[in-house]
Amino acid sequence: VIDHPEAMNSFEEFIHALQIIPRYSSGKFLTLGLLEAMFPAVQARLTV
């Protein structure tokens, strides 16, 4: 976002995160909605 704010699609990282988060634990233990909402929130905060 800092380097290329116009080109950013925060949901691309969301998909990668879903694949990695369960590693080293017994399951996906982050609220999906919270995780999904946080990526665009970070993007918005950095580009407002």
All heavy atoms as atom14 arrays in JSON, in Angstrom:
{
  "sequence": "VIDHPEAMNSFEEFIHALQIIPRYSSGKFLTLGLLEAMFPAVQARLTV",
  "atom14_mask": [
    [1, 1, 1, 1, 1, 1, 1, 0, 0, 0, 0, 0, 0, 0],
    [1, 1, 1, 1, 1, 1, 1, 1, 0, 0, 0, 0, 0, 0],
    [1, 1, 1, 1, 1, 1, 1, 1, 0, 0, 0, 0, 0, 0],
    [1, 1, 1, 1, 1, 1, 1, 1, 1, 1, 0, 0, 0, 0],
    [1, 1, 1, 1, 1, 1, 1, 0, 0, 0, 0, 0, 0, 0],
    [1, 1, 1, 1, 1, 1, 1, 1, 1, 0, 0, 0, 0, 0],
    [1, 1, 1, 1, 1, 0, 0, 0, 0, 0, 0, 0, 0, 0],
    [1, 1, 1, 1, 1, 1, 1, 1, 0, 0, 0, 0, 0, 0],
    [1, 1, 1, 1, 1, 1, 1, 1, 0, 0, 0, 0, 0, 0],
    [1, 1, 1, 1, 1, 1, 0, 0, 0, 0, 0, 0, 0, 0],
    [1, 1, 1, 1, 1, 1, 1, 1, 1, 1, 1, 0, 0, 0],
    [1, 1, 1, 1, 1, 1, 1, 1, 1, 0, 0, 0, 0, 0],
    [1, 1, 1, 1, 1, 1, 1, 1, 1, 0, 0, 0, 0, 0],
    [1, 1, 1, 1, 1, 1, 1, 1, 1, 1, 1, 0, 0, 0],
    [1, 1, 1, 1, 1, 1, 1, 1, 0, 0, 0, 0, 0, 0],
    [1, 1, 1, 1, 1, 1, 1, 1, 1, 1, 0, 0, 0, 0],
    [1, 1, 1, 1, 1, 0, 0, 0, 0, 0, 0, 0, 0, 0],
    [1, 1, 1, 1, 1, 1, 1, 1, 0, 0, 0, 0, 0, 0],
    [1, 1, 1, 1, 1, 1, 1, 1, 1, 0, 0, 0, 0, 0],
    [1, 1, 1, 1, 1, 1, 1, 1, 0, 0, 0, 0, 0, 0],
    [1, 1, 1, 1, 1, 1, 1, 1, 0, 0, 0, 0, 0, 0],
    [1, 1, 1, 1, 1, 1, 1, 0, 0, 0, 0, 0, 0, 0],
    [1, 1, 1, 1, 1, 1, 1, 1, 1, 1, 1, 0, 0, 0],
    [1, 1, 1, 1, 1, 1, 1, 1, 1, 1, 1, 1, 0, 0],
    [1, 1, 1, 1, 1, 1, 0, 0, 0, 0, 0, 0, 0, 0],
    [1, 1, 1, 1, 1, 1, 0, 0, 0, 0, 0, 0, 0, 0],
    [1, 1, 1, 1, 0, 0, 0, 0, 0, 0, 0, 0, 0, 0],
    [1, 1, 1, 1, 1, 1, 1, 1, 1, 0, 0, 0, 0, 0],
    [1, 1, 1, 1, 1, 1, 1, 1, 1, 1, 1, 0, 0, 0],
    [1, 1, 1, 1, 1, 1, 1, 1, 0, 0, 0, 0, 0, 0],
    [1, 1, 1, 1, 1, 1, 1, 0, 0, 0, 0, 0, 0, 0],
    [1, 1, 1, 1, 1, 1, 1, 1, 0, 0, 0, 0, 0, 0],
    [1, 1, 1, 1, 0, 0, 0, 0, 0, 0, 0, 0, 0, 0],
    [1, 1, 1, 1, 1, 1, 1, 1, 0, 0, 0, 0, 0, 0],
    [1, 1, 1, 1, 1, 1, 1, 1, 0, 0, 0, 0, 0, 0],
    [1, 1, 1, 1, 1, 1, 1, 1, 1, 0, 0, 0, 0, 0],
    [1, 1, 1, 1, 1, 0, 0, 0, 0, 0, 0, 0, 0, 0],
    [1, 1, 1, 1, 1, 1, 1, 1, 0, 0, 0, 0, 0, 0],
    [1, 1, 1, 1, 1, 1, 1, 1, 1, 1, 1, 0, 0, 0],
    [1, 1, 1, 1, 1, 1, 1, 0, 0, 0, 0, 0, 0, 0],
    [1, 1, 1, 1, 1, 0, 0, 0, 0, 0, 0, 0, 0, 0],
    [1, 1, 1, 1, 1, 1, 1, 0, 0, 0, 0, 0, 0, 0],
    [1, 1, 1, 1, 1, 1, 1, 1, 1, 0, 0, 0, 0, 0],
    [1, 1, 1, 1, 1, 0, 0, 0, 0, 0, 0, 0, 0, 0],
    [1, 1, 1, 1, 1, 1, 1, 1, 1, 1, 1, 0, 0, 0],
    [1, 1, 1, 1, 1, 1, 1, 1, 0, 0, 0, 0, 0, 0],
    [1, 1, 1, 1, 1, 1, 1, 0, 0, 0, 0, 0, 0, 0],
    [1, 1, 1, 1, 1, 1, 1, 0, 0, 0, 0, 0, 0, 0]
  ],
  "atom14_positions": [
    [[0.84, -1.2, 0.0], [0.0, 0.0, 0.0], [0.87, 1.25, 0.0], [0.61, 2.21, -0.72], [-0.96, 0.01, 1.21], [-1.61, 1.37, 1.4], [-2.02, -1.05, 1.04], [0.0, 0.0, 0.0], [0.0, 0.0, 0.0], [0.0, 0.0, 0.0], [0.0, 0.0, 0.0], [0.0, 0.0, 0.0], [0.0, 0.0, 0.0], [0.0, 0.0, 0.0]],
    [[1.92, 1.24, 0.79], [2.81, 2.41, 0.88], [3.53, 2.63, -0.45], [3.64, 3.76, -0.92], [3.79, 2.25, 2.04], [3.02, 2.37, 3.36], [4.92, 3.27, 1.96], [3.78, 1.92, 4.58], [0.0, 0.0, 0.0], [0.0, 0.0, 0.0], [0.0, 0.0, 0.0], [0.0, 0.0, 0.0], [0.0, 0.0, 0.0], [0.0, 0.0, 0.0]],
    [[4.0, 1.56, -1.08], [4.75, 1.68, -2.34], [3.86, 1.9, -3.56], [4.24, 2.62, -4.48], [5.61, 0.44, -2.56], [6.74, 0.33, -1.55], [7.08, 1.34, -0.91], [7.28, -0.79, -1.41], [0.0, 0.0, 0.0], [0.0, 0.0, 0.0], [0.0, 0.0, 0.0], [0.0, 0.0, 0.0], [0.0, 0.0, 0.0], [0.0, 0.0, 0.0]],
    [[2.71, 1.24, -3.6], [1.82, 1.27, -4.79], [0.35, 1.31, -4.36], [-0.38, 0.35, -4.6], [2.07, 0.05, -5.67], [3.5, -0.18, -6.02], [4.17, 0.6, -6.92], [4.39, -1.09, -5.56], [5.43, 0.18, -7.01], [5.58, -0.83, -6.2], [0.0, 0.0, 0.0], [0.0, 0.0, 0.0], [0.0, 0.0, 0.0], [0.0, 0.0, 0.0]],
    [[-0.12, 2.38, -3.77], [-1.48, 2.4, -3.23], [-2.58, 2.16, -4.28], [-3.6, 1.55, -3.97], [-1.62, 3.78, -2.6], [-0.52, 4.6, -3.17], [0.56, 3.65, -3.57], [0.0, 0.0, 0.0], [0.0, 0.0, 0.0], [0.0, 0.0, 0.0], [0.0, 0.0, 0.0], [0.0, 0.0, 0.0], [0.0, 0.0, 0.0], [0.0, 0.0, 0.0]],
    [[-2.36, 2.61, -5.51], [-3.4, 2.45, -6.54], [-3.53, 1.0, -7.01], [-4.58, 0.58, -7.46], [-3.11, 3.33, -7.76], [-3.05, 4.81, -7.46], [-1.7, 5.25, -6.87], [-0.67, 4.6, -7.17], [-1.69, 6.22, -6.12], [0.0, 0.0, 0.0], [0.0, 0.0, 0.0], [0.0, 0.0, 0.0], [0.0, 0.0, 0.0], [0.0, 0.0, 0.0]],
    [[-2.44, 0.25, -6.93], [-2.42, -1.12, -7.45], [-2.82, -2.16, -6.4], [-2.98, -3.33, -6.72], [-1.03, -1.45, -7.98], [0.0, 0.0, 0.0], [0.0, 0.0, 0.0], [0.0, 0.0, 0.0], [0.0, 0.0, 0.0], [0.0, 0.0, 0.0], [0.0, 0.0, 0.0], [0.0, 0.0, 0.0], [0.0, 0.0, 0.0], [0.0, 0.0, 0.0]],
    [[-2.98, -1.75, -5.18], [-3.18, -2.69, -4.09], [-4.55, -3.34, -4.13], [-5.57, -2.7, -4.33], [-3.01, -1.97, -2.74], [-3.16, -2.85, -1.54], [-1.89, -4.14, -1.54], [-2.68, -5.37, -0.57], [0.0, 0.0, 0.0], [0.0, 0.0, 0.0], [0.0, 0.0, 0.0], [0.0, 0.0, 0.0], [0.0, 0.0, 0.0], [0.0, 0.0, 0.0]],
    [[-4.56, -4.66, -3.95], [-5.79, -5.42, -3.75], [-5.58, -6.21, -2.46], [-4.96, -7.27, -2.46], [-6.06, -6.35, -4.92], [-7.33, -7.16, -4.73], [-7.87, -7.24, -3.62], [-7.8, -7.77, -5.79], [0.0, 0.0, 0.0], [0.0, 0.0, 0.0], [0.0, 0.0, 0.0], [0.0, 0.0, 0.0], [0.0, 0.0, 0.0], [0.0, 0.0, 0.0]],
    [[-6.09, -5.69, -1.36], [-5.84, -6.29, -0.05], [-6.39, -7.7, 0.06], [-5.92, -8.49, 0.87], [-6.41, -5.41, 1.06], [-7.79, -5.23, 0.88], [0.0, 0.0, 0.0], [0.0, 0.0, 0.0], [0.0, 0.0, 0.0], [0.0, 0.0, 0.0], [0.0, 0.0, 0.0], [0.0, 0.0, 0.0], [0.0, 0.0, 0.0], [0.0, 0.0, 0.0]],
    [[-7.35, -8.05, -0.75], [-7.93, -9.39, -0.66], [-7.0, -10.48, -1.19], [-7.17, -11.64, -0.87], [-9.3, -9.44, -1.32], [-10.33, -8.67, -0.54], [-10.82, -7.47, -1.02], [-10.78, -9.13, 0.68], [-11.75, -6.75, -0.29], [-11.71, -8.41, 1.42], [-12.19, -7.22, 0.93], [0.0, 0.0, 0.0], [0.0, 0.0, 0.0], [0.0, 0.0, 0.0]],
    [[-6.0, -10.11, -1.99], [-5.0, -11.09, -2.42], [-4.24, -11.63, -1.22], [-4.02, -12.83, -1.11], [-4.03, -10.46, -3.42], [-4.66, -10.17, -4.77], [-3.72, -9.44, -5.71], [-2.49, -9.48, -5.49], [-4.22, -8.82, -6.65], [0.0, 0.0, 0.0], [0.0, 0.0, 0.0], [0.0, 0.0, 0.0], [0.0, 0.0, 0.0], [0.0, 0.0, 0.0]],
    [[-3.83, -10.76, -0.32], [-3.12, -11.19, 0.88], [-4.06, -11.95, 1.82], [-3.62, -12.86, 2.52], [-2.48, -10.01, 1.61], [-1.32, -9.41, 0.87], [-0.16, -10.38, 0.64], [0.05, -11.31, 1.43], [0.55, -10.2, -0.36], [0.0, 0.0, 0.0], [0.0, 0.0, 0.0], [0.0, 0.0, 0.0], [0.0, 0.0, 0.0], [0.0, 0.0, 0.0]],
    [[-5.31, -11.63, 1.81], [-6.3, -12.35, 2.62], [-6.31, -13.83, 2.24], [-6.28, -14.7, 3.11], [-7.68, -11.72, 2.42], [-8.83, -12.52, 2.98], [-8.97, -12.69, 4.34], [-9.77, -13.08, 2.13], [-10.04, -13.42, 4.86], [-10.84, -13.8, 2.63], [-10.97, -13.97, 4.01], [0.0, 0.0, 0.0], [0.0, 0.0, 0.0], [0.0, 0.0, 0.0]],
    [[-6.28, -14.13, 0.96], [-6.28, -15.52, 0.5], [-5.01, -16.23, 0.95], [-5.06, -17.36, 1.44], [-6.43, -15.59, -1.04], [-7.75, -14.96, -1.49], [-6.29, -17.03, -1.54], [-9.0, -15.59, -0.9], [0.0, 0.0, 0.0], [0.0, 0.0, 0.0], [0.0, 0.0, 0.0], [0.0, 0.0, 0.0], [0.0, 0.0, 0.0], [0.0, 0.0, 0.0]],
    [[-3.87, -15.57, 0.81], [-2.61, -16.16, 1.27], [-2.64, -16.41, 2.77], [-2.17, -17.45, 3.25], [-1.42, -15.28, 0.91], [-1.21, -15.11, -0.56], [-0.88, -16.16, -1.39], [-1.31, -14.02, -1.35], [-0.77, -15.72, -2.63], [-1.03, -14.43, -2.63], [0.0, 0.0, 0.0], [0.0, 0.0, 0.0], [0.0, 0.0, 0.0], [0.0, 0.0, 0.0]],
    [[-3.18, -15.47, 3.51], [-3.26, -15.61, 4.96], [-4.11, -16.83, 5.35], [-3.76, -17.58, 6.26], [-3.83, -14.35, 5.59], [0.0, 0.0, 0.0], [0.0, 0.0, 0.0], [0.0, 0.0, 0.0], [0.0, 0.0, 0.0], [0.0, 0.0, 0.0], [0.0, 0.0, 0.0], [0.0, 0.0, 0.0], [0.0, 0.0, 0.0], [0.0, 0.0, 0.0]],
    [[-5.21, -17.03, 4.66], [-6.07, -18.19, 4.97], [-5.32, -19.51, 4.79], [-5.6, -20.49, 5.49], [-7.31, -18.19, 4.07], [-8.37, -17.16, 4.39], [-9.5, -17.24, 3.36], [-8.92, -17.34, 5.79], [0.0, 0.0, 0.0], [0.0, 0.0, 0.0], [0.0, 0.0, 0.0], [0.0, 0.0, 0.0], [0.0, 0.0, 0.0], [0.0, 0.0, 0.0]],
    [[-4.38, -19.54, 3.88], [-3.62, -20.77, 3.63], [-2.56, -21.02, 4.7], [-2.23, -22.15, 4.99], [-2.97, -20.71, 2.25], [-3.98, -20.68, 1.13], [-3.36, -20.31, -0.22], [-2.28, -19.73, -0.29], [-4.07, -20.63, -1.29], [0.0, 0.0, 0.0], [0.0, 0.0, 0.0], [0.0, 0.0, 0.0], [0.0, 0.0, 0.0], [0.0, 0.0, 0.0]],
    [[-2.03, -19.97, 5.29], [-0.9, -20.09, 6.22], [-1.33, -20.11, 7.67], [-0.71, -20.78, 8.5], [0.09, -18.92, 6.0], [0.7, -19.0, 4.61], [1.17, -18.88, 7.07], [1.54, -20.23, 4.35], [0.0, 0.0, 0.0], [0.0, 0.0, 0.0], [0.0, 0.0, 0.0], [0.0, 0.0, 0.0], [0.0, 0.0, 0.0], [0.0, 0.0, 0.0]],
    [[-2.36, -19.41, 8.03], [-2.75, -19.25, 9.43], [-2.87, -20.56, 10.2], [-2.43, -20.64, 11.34], [-4.04, -18.41, 9.54], [-3.69, -16.95, 9.25], [-4.68, -18.53, 10.91], [-4.88, -16.06, 9.13], [0.0, 0.0, 0.0], [0.0, 0.0, 0.0], [0.0, 0.0, 0.0], [0.0, 0.0, 0.0], [0.0, 0.0, 0.0], [0.0, 0.0, 0.0]],
    [[-3.42, -21.63, 9.64], [-3.57, -22.86, 10.44], [-2.27, -23.59, 10.77], [-2.27, -24.47, 11.6], [-4.46, -23.75, 9.59], [-4.93, -22.95, 8.46], [-4.07, -21.75, 8.36], [0.0, 0.0, 0.0], [0.0, 0.0, 0.0], [0.0, 0.0, 0.0], [0.0, 0.0, 0.0], [0.0, 0.0, 0.0], [0.0, 0.0, 0.0], [0.0, 0.0, 0.0]],
    [[-1.17, -23.22, 10.11], [0.09, -23.93, 10.36], [0.52, -23.76, 11.81], [0.38, -22.69, 12.39], [1.19, -23.42, 9.44], [0.94, -23.81, 8.01], [2.11, -23.43, 7.14], [1.76, -23.71, 5.76], [2.47, -23.31, 4.74], [3.56, -22.62, 4.93], [2.09, -23.6, 3.52], [0.0, 0.0, 0.0], [0.0, 0.0, 0.0], [0.0, 0.0, 0.0]],
    [[1.03, -24.82, 12.37], [1.55, -24.84, 13.74], [0.45, -24.72, 14.8], [0.72, -24.41, 15.94], [2.62, -23.77, 13.97], [3.64, -23.74, 12.88], [3.72, -22.68, 11.99], [4.53, -24.82, 12.7], [4.66, -22.68, 10.97], [5.46, -24.83, 11.68], [5.51, -23.75, 10.82], [6.43, -23.74, 9.81], [0.0, 0.0, 0.0], [0.0, 0.0, 0.0]],
    [[-0.77, -24.93, 14.42], [-1.87, -24.95, 15.38], [-2.86, -26.01, 14.93], [-2.7, -26.6, 13.88], [-2.55, -23.58, 15.48], [-3.27, -23.28, 14.29], [0.0, 0.0, 0.0], [0.0, 0.0, 0.0], [0.0, 0.0, 0.0], [0.0, 0.0, 0.0], [0.0, 0.0, 0.0], [0.0, 0.0, 0.0], [0.0, 0.0, 0.0], [0.0, 0.0, 0.0]],
    [[-3.88, -26.25, 15.73], [-4.81, -27.33, 15.41], [-5.96, -26.87, 14.51], [-6.84, -27.64, 14.21], [-5.37, -27.94, 16.69], [-6.07, -26.98, 17.43], [0.0, 0.0, 0.0], [0.0, 0.0, 0.0], [0.0, 0.0, 0.0], [0.0, 0.0, 0.0], [0.0, 0.0, 0.0], [0.0, 0.0, 0.0], [0.0, 0.0, 0.0], [0.0, 0.0, 0.0]],
    [[-5.96, -25.61, 14.08], [-7.02, -25.17, 13.19], [-6.93, -23.68, 12.9], [-6.03, -23.0, 13.35], [0.0, 0.0, 0.0], [0.0, 0.0, 0.0], [0.0, 0.0, 0.0], [0.0, 0.0, 0.0], [0.0, 0.0, 0.0], [0.0, 0.0, 0.0], [0.0, 0.0, 0.0], [0.0, 0.0, 0.0], [0.0, 0.0, 0.0], [0.0, 0.0, 0.0]],
    [[-7.9, -23.17, 12.13], [-7.96, -21.74, 11.79], [-8.67, -21.02, 12.91], [-9.89, -20.96, 12.92], [-8.73, -21.54, 10.48], [-8.07, -22.1, 9.28], [-8.94, -21.81, 8.07], [-8.52, -22.65, 6.91], [-9.4, -22.53, 5.79], [0.0, 0.0, 0.0], [0.0, 0.0, 0.0], [0.0, 0.0, 0.0], [0.0, 0.0, 0.0], [0.0, 0.0, 0.0]],
    [[-7.94, -20.44, 13.8], [-8.56, -19.85, 14.97], [-8.45, -18.34, 14.99], [-8.04, -17.73, 15.94], [-7.96, -20.47, 16.24], [-8.4, -21.89, 16.42], [-7.81, -22.9, 15.68], [-9.42, -22.21, 17.26], [-8.23, -24.21, 15.81], [-9.83, -23.52, 17.42], [-9.23, -24.52, 16.68], [0.0, 0.0, 0.0], [0.0, 0.0, 0.0], [0.0, 0.0, 0.0]],
    [[-8.79, -17.73, 13.9], [-9.06, -16.31, 13.83], [-10.45, -16.2, 13.24], [-10.82, -16.95, 12.35], [-8.09, -15.58, 12.9], [-6.7, -15.26, 13.42], [-5.9, -14.54, 12.34], [-6.74, -14.42, 14.66], [0.0, 0.0, 0.0], [0.0, 0.0, 0.0], [0.0, 0.0, 0.0], [0.0, 0.0, 0.0], [0.0, 0.0, 0.0], [0.0, 0.0, 0.0]],
    [[-11.22, -15.28, 13.74], [-12.54, -15.08, 13.19], [-12.42, -14.67, 11.73], [-11.76, -13.68, 11.41], [-13.28, -13.99, 13.98], [-13.29, -14.37, 15.36], [-14.69, -13.8, 13.49], [0.0, 0.0, 0.0], [0.0, 0.0, 0.0], [0.0, 0.0, 0.0], [0.0, 0.0, 0.0], [0.0, 0.0, 0.0], [0.0, 0.0, 0.0], [0.0, 0.0, 0.0]],
    [[-13.02, -15.44, 10.84], [-12.91, -15.19, 9.41], [-13.34, -13.76, 9.06], [-12.66, -13.07, 8.31], [-13.74, -16.21, 8.63], [-13.7, -16.1, 7.12], [-12.29, -16.34, 6.6], [-14.67, -17.08, 6.5], [0.0, 0.0, 0.0], [0.0, 0.0, 0.0], [0.0, 0.0, 0.0], [0.0, 0.0, 0.0], [0.0, 0.0, 0.0], [0.0, 0.0, 0.0]],
    [[-14.45, -13.32, 9.61], [-14.93, -11.97, 9.32], [-13.98, -10.89, 9.79], [-13.76, -9.89, 9.11], [0.0, 0.0, 0.0], [0.0, 0.0, 0.0], [0.0, 0.0, 0.0], [0.0, 0.0, 0.0], [0.0, 0.0, 0.0], [0.0, 0.0, 0.0], [0.0, 0.0, 0.0], [0.0, 0.0, 0.0], [0.0, 0.0, 0.0], [0.0, 0.0, 0.0]],
    [[-13.38, -11.11, 10.96], [-12.41, -10.16, 11.48], [-11.18, -10.1, 10.57], [-10.69, -9.03, 10.23], [-12.01, -10.54, 12.91], [-11.01, -9.65, 13.61], [-11.56, -8.24, 13.77], [-10.69, -10.23, 14.98], [0.0, 0.0, 0.0], [0.0, 0.0, 0.0], [0.0, 0.0, 0.0], [0.0, 0.0, 0.0], [0.0, 0.0, 0.0], [0.0, 0.0, 0.0]],
    [[-10.71, -11.24, 10.17], [-9.56, -11.31, 9.27], [-9.88, -10.64, 7.93], [-9.1, -9.83, 7.42], [-9.16, -12.78, 9.04], [-7.94, -13.02, 8.18], [-6.69, -12.47, 8.83], [-7.8, -14.51, 7.9], [0.0, 0.0, 0.0], [0.0, 0.0, 0.0], [0.0, 0.0, 0.0], [0.0, 0.0, 0.0], [0.0, 0.0, 0.0], [0.0, 0.0, 0.0]],
    [[-11.03, -10.96, 7.38], [-11.43, -10.4, 6.09], [-11.58, -8.88, 6.16], [-11.17, -8.16, 5.24], [-12.76, -11.02, 5.65], [-13.22, -10.59, 4.3], [-14.5, -11.28, 3.88], [-15.26, -11.75, 4.74], [-14.74, -11.33, 2.66], [0.0, 0.0, 0.0], [0.0, 0.0, 0.0], [0.0, 0.0, 0.0], [0.0, 0.0, 0.0], [0.0, 0.0, 0.0]],
    [[-12.11, -8.37, 7.26], [-12.31, -6.93, 7.4], [-11.01, -6.17, 7.65], [-10.88, -5.0, 7.27], [-13.29, -6.65, 8.53], [0.0, 0.0, 0.0], [0.0, 0.0, 0.0], [0.0, 0.0, 0.0], [0.0, 0.0, 0.0], [0.0, 0.0, 0.0], [0.0, 0.0, 0.0], [0.0, 0.0, 0.0], [0.0, 0.0, 0.0], [0.0, 0.0, 0.0]],
    [[-10.04, -6.83, 8.27], [-8.83, -6.13, 8.68], [-7.95, -5.74, 7.48], [-7.29, -4.7, 7.52], [-8.04, -6.98, 9.66], [-6.99, -6.2, 10.41], [-7.65, -4.9, 11.47], [-7.92, -5.83, 12.96], [0.0, 0.0, 0.0], [0.0, 0.0, 0.0], [0.0, 0.0, 0.0], [0.0, 0.0, 0.0], [0.0, 0.0, 0.0], [0.0, 0.0, 0.0]],
    [[-7.92, -6.54, 6.42], [-7.08, -6.19, 5.27], [-7.51, -4.88, 4.62], [-6.68, -3.98, 4.44], [-7.02, -7.34, 4.25], [-6.09, -8.43, 4.67], [-6.57, -9.58, 5.26], [-4.72, -8.3, 4.5], [-5.7, -10.59, 5.67], [-3.84, -9.3, 4.9], [-4.34, -10.45, 5.49], [0.0, 0.0, 0.0], [0.0, 0.0, 0.0], [0.0, 0.0, 0.0]],
    [[-8.77, -4.7, 4.25], [-9.15, -3.4, 3.69], [-9.06, -2.27, 4.71], [-8.8, -1.12, 4.35], [-10.57, -3.59, 3.18], [-11.05, -4.86, 3.76], [-9.87, -5.67, 4.15], [0.0, 0.0, 0.0], [0.0, 0.0, 0.0], [0.0, 0.0, 0.0], [0.0, 0.0, 0.0], [0.0, 0.0, 0.0], [0.0, 0.0, 0.0], [0.0, 0.0, 0.0]],
    [[-9.22, -2.58, 6.0], [-9.09, -1.54, 7.03], [-7.66, -1.02, 7.08], [-7.43, 0.19, 7.2], [-9.51, -2.09, 8.39], [0.0, 0.0, 0.0], [0.0, 0.0, 0.0], [0.0, 0.0, 0.0], [0.0, 0.0, 0.0], [0.0, 0.0, 0.0], [0.0, 0.0, 0.0], [0.0, 0.0, 0.0], [0.0, 0.0, 0.0], [0.0, 0.0, 0.0]],
    [[-6.69, -1.92, 6.98], [-5.28, -1.5, 6.95], [-5.02, -0.66, 5.7], [-4.39, 0.39, 5.77], [-4.34, -2.73, 7.01], [-2.91, -2.37, 6.67], [-4.42, -3.39, 8.39], [0.0, 0.0, 0.0], [0.0, 0.0, 0.0], [0.0, 0.0, 0.0], [0.0, 0.0, 0.0], [0.0, 0.0, 0.0], [0.0, 0.0, 0.0], [0.0, 0.0, 0.0]],
    [[-5.51, -1.13, 4.56], [-5.32, -0.38, 3.32], [-5.95, 1.0, 3.43], [-5.34, 2.0, 3.05], [-5.91, -1.15, 2.14], [-5.7, -0.45, 0.81], [-6.23, -1.25, -0.37], [-6.67, -2.38, -0.22], [-6.17, -0.66, -1.54], [0.0, 0.0, 0.0], [0.0, 0.0, 0.0], [0.0, 0.0, 0.0], [0.0, 0.0, 0.0], [0.0, 0.0, 0.0]],
    [[-7.15, 1.08, 3.96], [-7.83, 2.37, 4.09], [-7.09, 3.3, 5.03], [-6.91, 4.49, 4.75], [-9.26, 2.16, 4.57], [0.0, 0.0, 0.0], [0.0, 0.0, 0.0], [0.0, 0.0, 0.0], [0.0, 0.0, 0.0], [0.0, 0.0, 0.0], [0.0, 0.0, 0.0], [0.0, 0.0, 0.0], [0.0, 0.0, 0.0], [0.0, 0.0, 0.0]],
    [[-6.63, 2.76, 6.13], [-5.91, 3.59, 7.11], [-4.63, 4.18, 6.51], [-4.27, 5.31, 6.78], [-5.59, 2.76, 8.36], [-4.76, 3.47, 9.39], [-5.5, 4.68, 9.95], [-4.69, 5.4, 10.89], [-3.94, 6.46, 10.58], [-3.91, 6.92, 9.35], [-3.24, 7.07, 11.51], [0.0, 0.0, 0.0], [0.0, 0.0, 0.0], [0.0, 0.0, 0.0]],
    [[-3.95, 3.41, 5.69], [-2.69, 3.87, 5.11], [-2.87, 4.8, 3.92], [-1.92, 5.47, 3.51], [-1.84, 2.67, 4.71], [-1.3, 1.84, 5.86], [-0.62, 0.57, 5.34], [-0.33, 2.64, 6.73], [0.0, 0.0, 0.0], [0.0, 0.0, 0.0], [0.0, 0.0, 0.0], [0.0, 0.0, 0.0], [0.0, 0.0, 0.0], [0.0, 0.0, 0.0]],
    [[-4.07, 4.86, 3.35], [-4.28, 5.68, 2.15], [-5.29, 6.81, 2.36], [-5.53, 7.58, 1.42], [-4.74, 4.81, 0.96], [-5.94, 4.12, 1.31], [-3.66, 3.83, 0.55], [0.0, 0.0, 0.0], [0.0, 0.0, 0.0], [0.0, 0.0, 0.0], [0.0, 0.0, 0.0], [0.0, 0.0, 0.0], [0.0, 0.0, 0.0], [0.0, 0.0, 0.0]],
    [[-5.84, 6.94, 3.54], [-6.8, 8.01, 3.79], [-6.1, 9.37, 3.65], [-4.95, 9.53, 4.06], [-7.48, 7.85, 5.17], [-6.51, 8.08, 6.31], [-8.7, 8.76, 5.29], [0.0, 0.0, 0.0], [0.0, 0.0, 0.0], [0.0, 0.0, 0.0], [0.0, 0.0, 0.0], [0.0, 0.0, 0.0], [0.0, 0.0, 0.0], [0.0, 0.0, 0.0]]
  ]
}
